[in-house]
Amino acid sequence: MNSIVVGQIDTPGASSVITDELKKTAAANIPMRRMGQSSDIAACALYLASPASSWVTGRSIAVNGGADGPPLSFPIPSLREQVFGAGER
């Protein structure tokens, strides 16, 4: 069994929560300097479904423009902040 490890993809769903400015920031943090497209993932899936990958097994293929980590990071509130709110100490 093989898998595709998907990087930051520019989709309509992502566009509903990520601003154009954040997309530019993400692209700047990806070695290929762009966010992925659904066609990038489809091309990998097509390869894995084709005879060309007949000797590929047990692999996770990263389709992520060369990024070693997430191109965007968001602060995660502490458990205390989540339970009591940001103003509580």
PDB file of N, CA and C in Angstrom:
ATOM      1  N   MET A   1       0.844  -1.175   0.000  1.00  0.00           N
ATOM      2  CA  MET A   1       0.000   0.000   0.000  1.00  0.00           C
ATOM      3  C   MET A   1       0.892   1.242   0.000  1.00  0.00           C
ATOM      4  N   ASN A   2       0.518   2.209  -0.782  1.00  0.00           N
ATOM      5  CA  ASN A   2       1.233   3.482  -0.868  1.00  0.00           C
ATOM      6  C   ASN A   2       0.323   4.602  -0.382  1.00  0.00           C
ATOM      7  N   SER A   3       0.921   5.727  -0.084  1.00  0.00           N
ATOM      8  CA  SER A   3       0.123   6.887   0.341  1.00  0.00           C
ATOM      9  C   SER A   3       0.721   8.164  -0.237  1.00  0.00           C
ATOM     10  N   ILE A   4      -0.115   9.166  -0.294  1.00  0.00           N
ATOM     11  CA  ILE A   4       0.308  10.495  -0.737  1.00  0.00           C
ATOM     12  C   ILE A   4       0.219  11.421   0.470  1.00  0.00           C
ATOM     13  N   VAL A   5       1.334  12.046   0.812  1.00  0.00           N
ATOM     14  CA  VAL A   5       1.374  13.019   1.902  1.00  0.00           C
ATOM     15  C   VAL A   5       1.211  14.388   1.253  1.00  0.00           C
ATOM     16  N   VAL A   6       0.085  15.010   1.502  1.00  0.00           N
ATOM     17  CA  VAL A   6      -0.309  16.231   0.801  1.00  0.00           C
ATOM     18  C   VAL A   6       0.198  17.474   1.536  1.00  0.00           C
ATOM     19  N   GLY A   7       0.813  18.383   0.787  1.00  0.00           N
ATOM     20  CA  GLY A   7       1.254  19.662   1.332  1.00  0.00           C
ATOM     21  C   GLY A   7       0.141  20.694   1.268  1.00  0.00           C
ATOM     22  N   GLN A   8       0.517  21.960   1.359  1.00  0.00           N
ATOM     23  CA  GLN A   8      -0.449  23.070   1.347  1.00  0.00           C
ATOM     24  C   GLN A   8      -1.031  23.225  -0.052  1.00  0.00           C
ATOM     25  N   ILE A   9      -2.322  22.927  -0.206  1.00  0.00           N
ATOM     26  CA  ILE A   9      -2.989  22.965  -1.501  1.00  0.00           C
ATOM     27  C   ILE A   9      -3.949  24.147  -1.547  1.00  0.00           C
ATOM     28  N   ASP A  10      -3.910  24.876  -2.649  1.00  0.00           N
ATOM     29  CA  ASP A  10      -4.802  26.021  -2.861  1.00  0.00           C
ATOM     30  C   ASP A  10      -6.121  25.499  -3.430  1.00  0.00           C
ATOM     31  N   THR A  11      -7.106  25.393  -2.573  1.00  0.00           N
ATOM     32  CA  THR A  11      -8.423  24.891  -2.972  1.00  0.00           C
ATOM     33  C   THR A  11      -9.483  25.933  -2.628  1.00  0.00           C
ATOM     34  N   PRO A  12     -10.689  25.800  -3.161  1.00  0.00           N
ATOM     35  CA  PRO A  12     -11.757  26.722  -2.762  1.00  0.00           C
ATOM     36  C   PRO A  12     -12.001  26.688  -1.254  1.00  0.00           C
ATOM     37  N   GLY A  13     -11.879  25.509  -0.637  1.00  0.00           N
ATOM     38  CA  GLY A  13     -12.067  25.411   0.816  1.00  0.00           C
ATOM     39  C   GLY A  13     -10.995  26.183   1.563  1.00  0.00           C
ATOM     40  N   ALA A  14      -9.745  26.061   1.105  1.00  0.00           N
ATOM     41  CA  ALA A  14      -8.655  26.809   1.747  1.00  0.00           C
ATOM     42  C   ALA A  14      -8.872  28.307   1.567  1.00  0.00           C
ATOM     43  N   SER A  15      -9.354  28.692   0.412  1.00  0.00           N
ATOM     44  CA  SER A  15      -9.578  30.114   0.143  1.00  0.00           C
ATOM     45  C   SER A  15     -10.644  30.718   1.047  1.00  0.00           C
ATOM     46  N   SER A  16     -11.502  29.872   1.596  1.00  0.00           N
ATOM     47  CA  SER A  16     -12.537  30.396   2.482  1.00  0.00           C
ATOM     48  C   SER A  16     -11.993  30.742   3.867  1.00  0.00           C
ATOM     49  N   VAL A  17     -10.789  30.238   4.213  1.00  0.00           N
ATOM     50  CA  VAL A  17     -10.225  30.512   5.533  1.00  0.00           C
ATOM     51  C   VAL A  17      -8.826  31.118   5.493  1.00  0.00           C
ATOM     52  N   ILE A  18      -8.185  31.104   4.332  1.00  0.00           N
ATOM     53  CA  ILE A  18      -6.836  31.645   4.204  1.00  0.00           C
ATOM     54  C   ILE A  18      -6.871  32.833   3.252  1.00  0.00           C
ATOM     55  N   THR A  19      -6.423  33.976   3.721  1.00  0.00           N
ATOM     56  CA  THR A  19      -6.426  35.192   2.904  1.00  0.00           C
ATOM     57  C   THR A  19      -5.354  35.113   1.818  1.00  0.00           C
ATOM     58  N   ASP A  20      -5.454  35.989   0.837  1.00  0.00           N
ATOM     59  CA  ASP A  20      -4.439  36.052  -0.214  1.00  0.00           C
ATOM     60  C   ASP A  20      -3.066  36.364   0.374  1.00  0.00           C
ATOM     61  N   GLU A  21      -3.037  37.196   1.411  1.00  0.00           N
ATOM     62  CA  GLU A  21      -1.763  37.526   2.064  1.00  0.00           C
ATOM     63  C   GLU A  21      -1.151  36.288   2.720  1.00  0.00           C
ATOM     64  N   LEU A  22      -1.967  35.477   3.377  1.00  0.00           N
ATOM     65  CA  LEU A  22      -1.467  34.241   3.978  1.00  0.00           C
ATOM     66  C   LEU A  22      -1.002  33.257   2.911  1.00  0.00           C
ATOM     67  N   LYS A  23      -1.687  33.238   1.771  1.00  0.00           N
ATOM     68  CA  LYS A  23      -1.247  32.376   0.666  1.00  0.00           C
ATOM     69  C   LYS A  23       0.138  32.795   0.179  1.00  0.00           C
ATOM     70  N   LYS A  24       0.376  34.100   0.099  1.00  0.00           N
ATOM     71  CA  LYS A  24       1.700  34.591  -0.308  1.00  0.00           C
ATOM     72  C   LYS A  24       2.758  34.194   0.709  1.00  0.00           C
ATOM     73  N   THR A  25       2.418  34.280   1.990  1.00  0.00           N
ATOM     74  CA  THR A  25       3.343  33.866   3.048  1.00  0.00           C
ATOM     75  C   THR A  25       3.647  32.379   2.934  1.00  0.00           C
ATOM     76  N   ALA A  26       2.605  31.574   2.730  1.00  0.00           N
ATOM     77  CA  ALA A  26       2.802  30.132   2.584  1.00  0.00           C
ATOM     78  C   ALA A  26       3.709  29.835   1.400  1.00  0.00           C
ATOM     79  N   ALA A  27       3.438  30.460   0.256  1.00  0.00           N
ATOM     80  CA  ALA A  27       4.244  30.229  -0.947  1.00  0.00           C
ATOM     81  C   ALA A  27       5.707  30.596  -0.715  1.00  0.00           C
ATOM     82  N   ALA A  28       5.949  31.666   0.022  1.00  0.00           N
ATOM     83  CA  ALA A  28       7.321  32.093   0.303  1.00  0.00           C
ATOM     84  C   ALA A  28       8.063  31.072   1.168  1.00  0.00           C
ATOM     85  N   ASN A  29       7.329  30.263   1.932  1.00  0.00           N
ATOM     86  CA  ASN A  29       7.928  29.258   2.803  1.00  0.00           C
ATOM     87  C   ASN A  29       8.022  27.877   2.163  1.00  0.00           C
ATOM     88  N   ILE A  30       7.643  27.763   0.907  1.00  0.00           N
ATOM     89  CA  ILE A  30       7.718  26.500   0.169  1.00  0.00           C
ATOM     90  C   ILE A  30       8.858  26.635  -0.833  1.00  0.00           C
ATOM     91  N   PRO A  31       9.798  25.686  -0.875  1.00  0.00           N
ATOM     92  CA  PRO A  31      10.932  25.812  -1.798  1.00  0.00           C
ATOM     93  C   PRO A  31      10.548  26.065  -3.257  1.00  0.00           C
ATOM     94  N   MET A  32       9.441  25.519  -3.727  1.00  0.00           N
ATOM     95  CA  MET A  32       9.011  25.756  -5.112  1.00  0.00           C
ATOM     96  C   MET A  32       8.277  27.084  -5.272  1.00  0.00           C
ATOM     97  N   ARG A  33       8.132  27.837  -4.174  1.00  0.00           N
ATOM     98  CA  ARG A  33       7.570  29.194  -4.162  1.00  0.00           C
ATOM     99  C   ARG A  33       6.137  29.294  -4.668  1.00  0.00           C
ATOM    100  N   ARG A  34       5.375  28.232  -4.474  1.00  0.00           N
ATOM    101  CA  ARG A  34       3.944  28.280  -4.792  1.00  0.00           C
ATOM    102  C   ARG A  34       3.218  27.241  -3.966  1.00  0.00           C
ATOM    103  N   MET A  35       1.942  27.492  -3.747  1.00  0.00           N
ATOM    104  CA  MET A  35       1.098  26.485  -3.115  1.00  0.00           C
ATOM    105  C   MET A  35       0.760  25.441  -4.167  1.00  0.00           C
ATOM    106  N   GLY A  36       0.450  24.248  -3.706  1.00  0.00           N
ATOM    107  CA  GLY A  36       0.101  23.183  -4.631  1.00  0.00           C
ATOM    108  C   GLY A  36      -1.292  23.366  -5.209  1.00  0.00           C
ATOM    109  N   GLN A  37      -1.524  22.659  -6.271  1.00  0.00           N
ATOM    110  CA  GLN A  37      -2.836  22.630  -6.916  1.00  0.00           C
ATOM    111  C   GLN A  37      -3.374  21.203  -6.824  1.00  0.00           C
ATOM    112  N   SER A  38      -4.675  21.055  -6.907  1.00  0.00           N
ATOM    113  CA  SER A  38      -5.252  19.715  -6.854  1.00  0.00           C
ATOM    114  C   SER A  38      -4.701  18.835  -7.971  1.00  0.00           C
ATOM    115  N   SER A  39      -4.333  19.443  -9.091  1.00  0.00           N
ATOM    116  CA  SER A  39      -3.758  18.674 -10.203  1.00  0.00           C
ATOM    117  C   SER A  39      -2.399  18.071  -9.833  1.00  0.00           C
ATOM    118  N   ASP A  40      -1.663  18.694  -8.908  1.00  0.00           N
ATOM    119  CA  ASP A  40      -0.393  18.127  -8.447  1.00  0.00           C
ATOM    120  C   ASP A  40      -0.640  16.805  -7.723  1.00  0.00           C
ATOM    121  N   ILE A  41      -1.677  16.760  -6.905  1.00  0.00           N
ATOM    122  CA  ILE A  41      -2.015  15.545  -6.173  1.00  0.00           C
ATOM    123  C   ILE A  41      -2.575  14.502  -7.140  1.00  0.00           C
ATOM    124  N   ALA A  42      -3.409  14.950  -8.071  1.00  0.00           N
ATOM    125  CA  ALA A  42      -3.990  14.037  -9.055  1.00  0.00           C
ATOM    126  C   ALA A  42      -2.901  13.370  -9.889  1.00  0.00           C
ATOM    127  N   ALA A  43      -1.857  14.106 -10.255  1.00  0.00           N
ATOM    128  CA  ALA A  43      -0.764  13.532 -11.049  1.00  0.00           C
ATOM    129  C   ALA A  43      -0.062  12.416 -10.286  1.00  0.00           C
ATOM    130  N   CYS A  44       0.147  12.616  -8.982  1.00  0.00           N
ATOM    131  CA  CYS A  44       0.772  11.577  -8.172  1.00  0.00           C
ATOM    132  C   CYS A  44      -0.145  10.365  -8.051  1.00  0.00           C
ATOM    133  N   ALA A  45      -1.432  10.599  -7.848  1.00  0.00           N
ATOM    134  CA  ALA A  45      -2.398   9.500  -7.752  1.00  0.00           C
ATOM    135  C   ALA A  45      -2.453   8.722  -9.062  1.00  0.00           C
ATOM    136  N   LEU A  46      -2.410   9.432 -10.181  1.00  0.00           N
ATOM    137  CA  LEU A  46      -2.414   8.780 -11.490  1.00  0.00           C
ATOM    138  C   LEU A  46      -1.171   7.900 -11.655  1.00  0.00           C
ATOM    139  N   TYR A  47      -0.019   8.429 -11.234  1.00  0.00           N
ATOM    140  CA  TYR A  47       1.209   7.638 -11.284  1.00  0.00           C
ATOM    141  C   TYR A  47       1.053   6.363 -10.459  1.00  0.00           C
ATOM    142  N   LEU A  48       0.561   6.498  -9.225  1.00  0.00           N
ATOM    143  CA  LEU A  48       0.423   5.331  -8.359  1.00  0.00           C
ATOM    144  C   LEU A  48      -0.596   4.327  -8.893  1.00  0.00           C
ATOM    145  N   ALA A  49      -1.581   4.802  -9.647  1.00  0.00           N
ATOM    146  CA  ALA A  49      -2.595   3.913 -10.219  1.00  0.00           C
ATOM    147  C   ALA A  49      -2.160   3.309 -11.547  1.00  0.00           C
ATOM    148  N   SER A  50      -1.051   3.775 -12.092  1.00  0.00           N
ATOM    149  CA  SER A  50      -0.603   3.330 -13.412  1.00  0.00           C
ATOM    150  C   SER A  50       0.407   2.187 -13.308  1.00  0.00           C
ATOM    151  N   PRO A  51       0.641   1.501 -14.412  1.00  0.00           N
ATOM    152  CA  PRO A  51       1.672   0.460 -14.432  1.00  0.00           C
ATOM    153  C   PRO A  51       3.080   1.003 -14.145  1.00  0.00           C
ATOM    154  N   ALA A  52       3.280   2.310 -14.315  1.00  0.00           N
ATOM    155  CA  ALA A  52       4.597   2.903 -14.061  1.00  0.00           C
ATOM    156  C   ALA A  52       5.041   2.714 -12.615  1.00  0.00           C
ATOM    157  N   SER A  53       4.091   2.546 -11.706  1.00  0.00           N
ATOM    158  CA  SER A  53       4.444   2.375 -10.294  1.00  0.00           C
ATOM    159  C   SER A  53       4.329   0.918  -9.854  1.00  0.00           C
ATOM    160  N   SER A  54       4.378  -0.008 -10.791  1.00  0.00           N
ATOM    161  CA  SER A  54       4.136  -1.417 -10.454  1.00  0.00           C
ATOM    162  C   SER A  54       5.138  -1.998  -9.468  1.00  0.00           C
ATOM    163  N   TRP A  55       6.297  -1.383  -9.327  1.00  0.00           N
ATOM    164  CA  TRP A  55       7.292  -1.899  -8.391  1.00  0.00           C
ATOM    165  C   TRP A  55       7.487  -0.976  -7.206  1.00  0.00           C
ATOM    166  N   VAL A  56       6.500  -0.114  -6.971  1.00  0.00           N
ATOM    167  CA  VAL A  56       6.509   0.805  -5.834  1.00  0.00           C
ATOM    168  C   VAL A  56       5.510   0.264  -4.813  1.00  0.00           C
ATOM    169  N   THR A  57       5.980   0.013  -3.611  1.00  0.00           N
ATOM    170  CA  THR A  57       5.082  -0.487  -2.578  1.00  0.00           C
ATOM    171  C   THR A  57       5.556  -0.023  -1.203  1.00  0.00           C
ATOM    172  N   GLY A  58       4.618   0.212  -0.329  1.00  0.00           N
ATOM    173  CA  GLY A  58       4.947   0.620   1.033  1.00  0.00           C
ATOM    174  C   GLY A  58       5.591   1.993   1.128  1.00  0.00           C
ATOM    175  N   ARG A  59       5.284   2.877   0.202  1.00  0.00           N
ATOM    176  CA  ARG A  59       5.894   4.206   0.165  1.00  0.00           C
ATOM    177  C   ARG A  59       4.877   5.284   0.475  1.00  0.00           C
ATOM    178  N   SER A  60       5.357   6.314   1.139  1.00  0.00           N
ATOM    179  CA  SER A  60       4.599   7.551   1.320  1.00  0.00           C
ATOM    180  C   SER A  60       5.287   8.595   0.455  1.00  0.00           C
ATOM    181  N   ILE A  61       4.567   9.120  -0.507  1.00  0.00           N
ATOM    182  CA  ILE A  61       5.140  10.098  -1.430  1.00  0.00           C
ATOM    183  C   ILE A  61       4.670  11.483  -1.011  1.00  0.00           C
ATOM    184  N   ALA A  62       5.634  12.339  -0.674  1.00  0.00           N
ATOM    185  CA  ALA A  62       5.313  13.706  -0.265  1.00  0.00           C
ATOM    186  C   ALA A  62       5.159  14.577  -1.511  1.00  0.00           C
ATOM    187  N   VAL A  63       3.977  15.140  -1.671  1.00  0.00           N
ATOM    188  CA  VAL A  63       3.701  16.077  -2.762  1.00  0.00           C
ATOM    189  C   VAL A  63       3.473  17.414  -2.078  1.00  0.00           C
ATOM    190  N   ASN A  64       4.584  18.153  -1.880  1.00  0.00           N
ATOM    191  CA  ASN A  64       4.529  19.340  -1.021  1.00  0.00           C
ATOM    192  C   ASN A  64       5.446  20.472  -1.474  1.00  0.00           C
ATOM    193  N   GLY A  65       5.904  20.426  -2.716  1.00  0.00           N
ATOM    194  CA  GLY A  65       6.752  21.501  -3.227  1.00  0.00           C
ATOM    195  C   GLY A  65       8.111  21.578  -2.547  1.00  0.00           C
ATOM    196  N   GLY A  66       8.493  20.520  -1.840  1.00  0.00           N
ATOM    197  CA  GLY A  66       9.782  20.493  -1.171  1.00  0.00           C
ATOM    198  C   GLY A  66       9.773  21.009   0.258  1.00  0.00           C
ATOM    199  N   ALA A  67       8.599  21.329   0.784  1.00  0.00           N
ATOM    200  CA  ALA A  67       8.515  21.866   2.148  1.00  0.00           C
ATOM    201  C   ALA A  67       8.834  20.775   3.172  1.00  0.00           C
ATOM    202  N   ASP A  68       9.668  21.099   4.140  1.00  0.00           N
ATOM    203  CA  ASP A  68       9.998  20.163   5.212  1.00  0.00           C
ATOM    204  C   ASP A  68       9.007  20.236   6.368  1.00  0.00           C
ATOM    205  N   GLY A  69       8.214  21.281   6.405  1.00  0.00           N
ATOM    206  CA  GLY A  69       7.225  21.468   7.464  1.00  0.00           C
ATOM    207  C   GLY A  69       6.076  22.294   6.947  1.00  0.00           C
ATOM    208  N   PRO A  70       5.120  22.560   7.801  1.00  0.00           N
ATOM    209  CA  PRO A  70       3.975  23.370   7.377  1.00  0.00           C
ATOM    210  C   PRO A  70       4.428  24.777   6.969  1.00  0.00           C
ATOM    211  N   PRO A  71       3.946  25.294   5.839  1.00  0.00           N
ATOM    212  CA  PRO A  71       4.340  26.631   5.406  1.00  0.00           C
ATOM    213  C   PRO A  71       3.683  27.747   6.205  1.00  0.00           C
ATOM    214  N   LEU A  72       2.655  27.416   6.947  1.00  0.00           N
ATOM    215  CA  LEU A  72       1.985  28.380   7.819  1.00  0.00           C
ATOM    216  C   LEU A  72       1.912  27.784   9.217  1.00  0.00           C
ATOM    217  N   SER A  73       2.038  28.629  10.217  1.00  0.00           N
ATOM    218  CA  SER A  73       1.844  28.160  11.580  1.00  0.00           C
ATOM    219  C   SER A  73       0.922  29.133  12.301  1.00  0.00           C
ATOM    220  N   PHE A  74       0.141  28.585  13.169  1.00  0.00           N
ATOM    221  CA  PHE A  74      -0.805  29.378  13.934  1.00  0.00           C
ATOM    222  C   PHE A  74      -0.582  29.078  15.406  1.00  0.00           C
ATOM    223  N   PRO A  75      -0.682  30.089  16.260  1.00  0.00           N
ATOM    224  CA  PRO A  75      -0.488  29.829  17.687  1.00  0.00           C
ATOM    225  C   PRO A  75      -1.605  28.932  18.225  1.00  0.00           C
ATOM    226  N   ILE A  76      -1.208  27.983  19.028  1.00  0.00           N
ATOM    227  CA  ILE A  76      -2.176  27.093  19.667  1.00  0.00           C
ATOM    228  C   ILE A  76      -2.331  27.552  21.108  1.00  0.00           C
ATOM    229  N   PRO A  77      -3.542  27.912  21.507  1.00  0.00           N
ATOM    230  CA  PRO A  77      -3.720  28.382  22.888  1.00  0.00           C
ATOM    231  C   PRO A  77      -3.454  27.252  23.880  1.00  0.00           C
ATOM    232  N   SER A  78      -2.957  27.624  25.046  1.00  0.00           N
ATOM    233  CA  SER A  78      -2.721  26.640  26.101  1.00  0.00           C
ATOM    234  C   SER A  78      -4.053  26.089  26.581  1.00  0.00           C
ATOM    235  N   LEU A  79      -3.994  24.984  27.287  1.00  0.00           N
ATOM    236  CA  LEU A  79      -5.208  24.400  27.837  1.00  0.00           C
ATOM    237  C   LEU A  79      -5.894  25.387  28.776  1.00  0.00           C
ATOM    238  N   ARG A  80      -5.117  26.094  29.584  1.00  0.00           N
ATOM    239  CA  ARG A  80      -5.682  27.091  30.497  1.00  0.00           C
ATOM    240  C   ARG A  80      -6.445  28.161  29.705  1.00  0.00           C
ATOM    241  N   GLU A  81      -5.856  28.648  28.609  1.00  0.00           N
ATOM    242  CA  GLU A  81      -6.525  29.666  27.789  1.00  0.00           C
ATOM    243  C   GLU A  81      -7.794  29.105  27.156  1.00  0.00           C
ATOM    244  N   GLN A  82      -7.738  27.841  26.755  1.00  0.00           N
ATOM    245  CA  GLN A  82      -8.912  27.239  26.151  1.00  0.00           C
ATOM    246  C   GLN A  82     -10.055  27.087  27.145  1.00  0.00           C
ATOM    247  N   VAL A  83      -9.726  26.753  28.384  1.00  0.00           N
ATOM    248  CA  VAL A  83     -10.748  26.526  29.404  1.00  0.00           C
ATOM    249  C   VAL A  83     -11.238  27.839  30.011  1.00  0.00           C
ATOM    250  N   PHE A  84     -10.304  28.727  30.367  1.00  0.00           N
ATOM    251  CA  PHE A  84     -10.669  29.929  31.110  1.00  0.00           C
ATOM    252  C   PHE A  84     -10.679  31.197  30.260  1.00  0.00           C
ATOM    253  N   GLY A  85     -10.177  31.160  29.045  1.00  0.00           N
ATOM    254  CA  GLY A  85     -10.113  32.353  28.214  1.00  0.00           C
ATOM    255  C   GLY A  85      -8.740  32.970  28.250  1.00  0.00           C
ATOM    256  N   ALA A  86      -8.446  33.815  27.287  1.00  0.00           N
ATOM    257  CA  ALA A  86      -7.120  34.403  27.137  1.00  0.00           C
ATOM    258  C   ALA A  86      -6.764  35.354  28.273  1.00  0.00           C
ATOM    259  N   GLY A  87      -7.744  35.968  28.929  1.00  0.00           N
ATOM    260  CA  GLY A  87      -7.453  36.950  29.979  1.00  0.00           C
ATOM    261  C   GLY A  87      -7.173  36.355  31.348  1.00  0.00           C
ATOM    262  N   GLU A  88      -7.426  35.070  31.528  1.00  0.00           N
ATOM    263  CA  GLU A  88      -7.249  34.430  32.841  1.00  0.00           C
ATOM    264  C   GLU A  88      -5.799  34.031  33.062  1.00  0.00           C
ATOM    265  N   ARG A  89      -5.366  34.074  34.317  1.00  0.00           N
ATOM    266  CA  ARG A  89      -4.002  33.642  34.682  1.00  0.00           C
ATOM    267  C   ARG A  89      -4.067  32.584  35.724  1.00  0.00           C
TER     268      ARG A  89
END
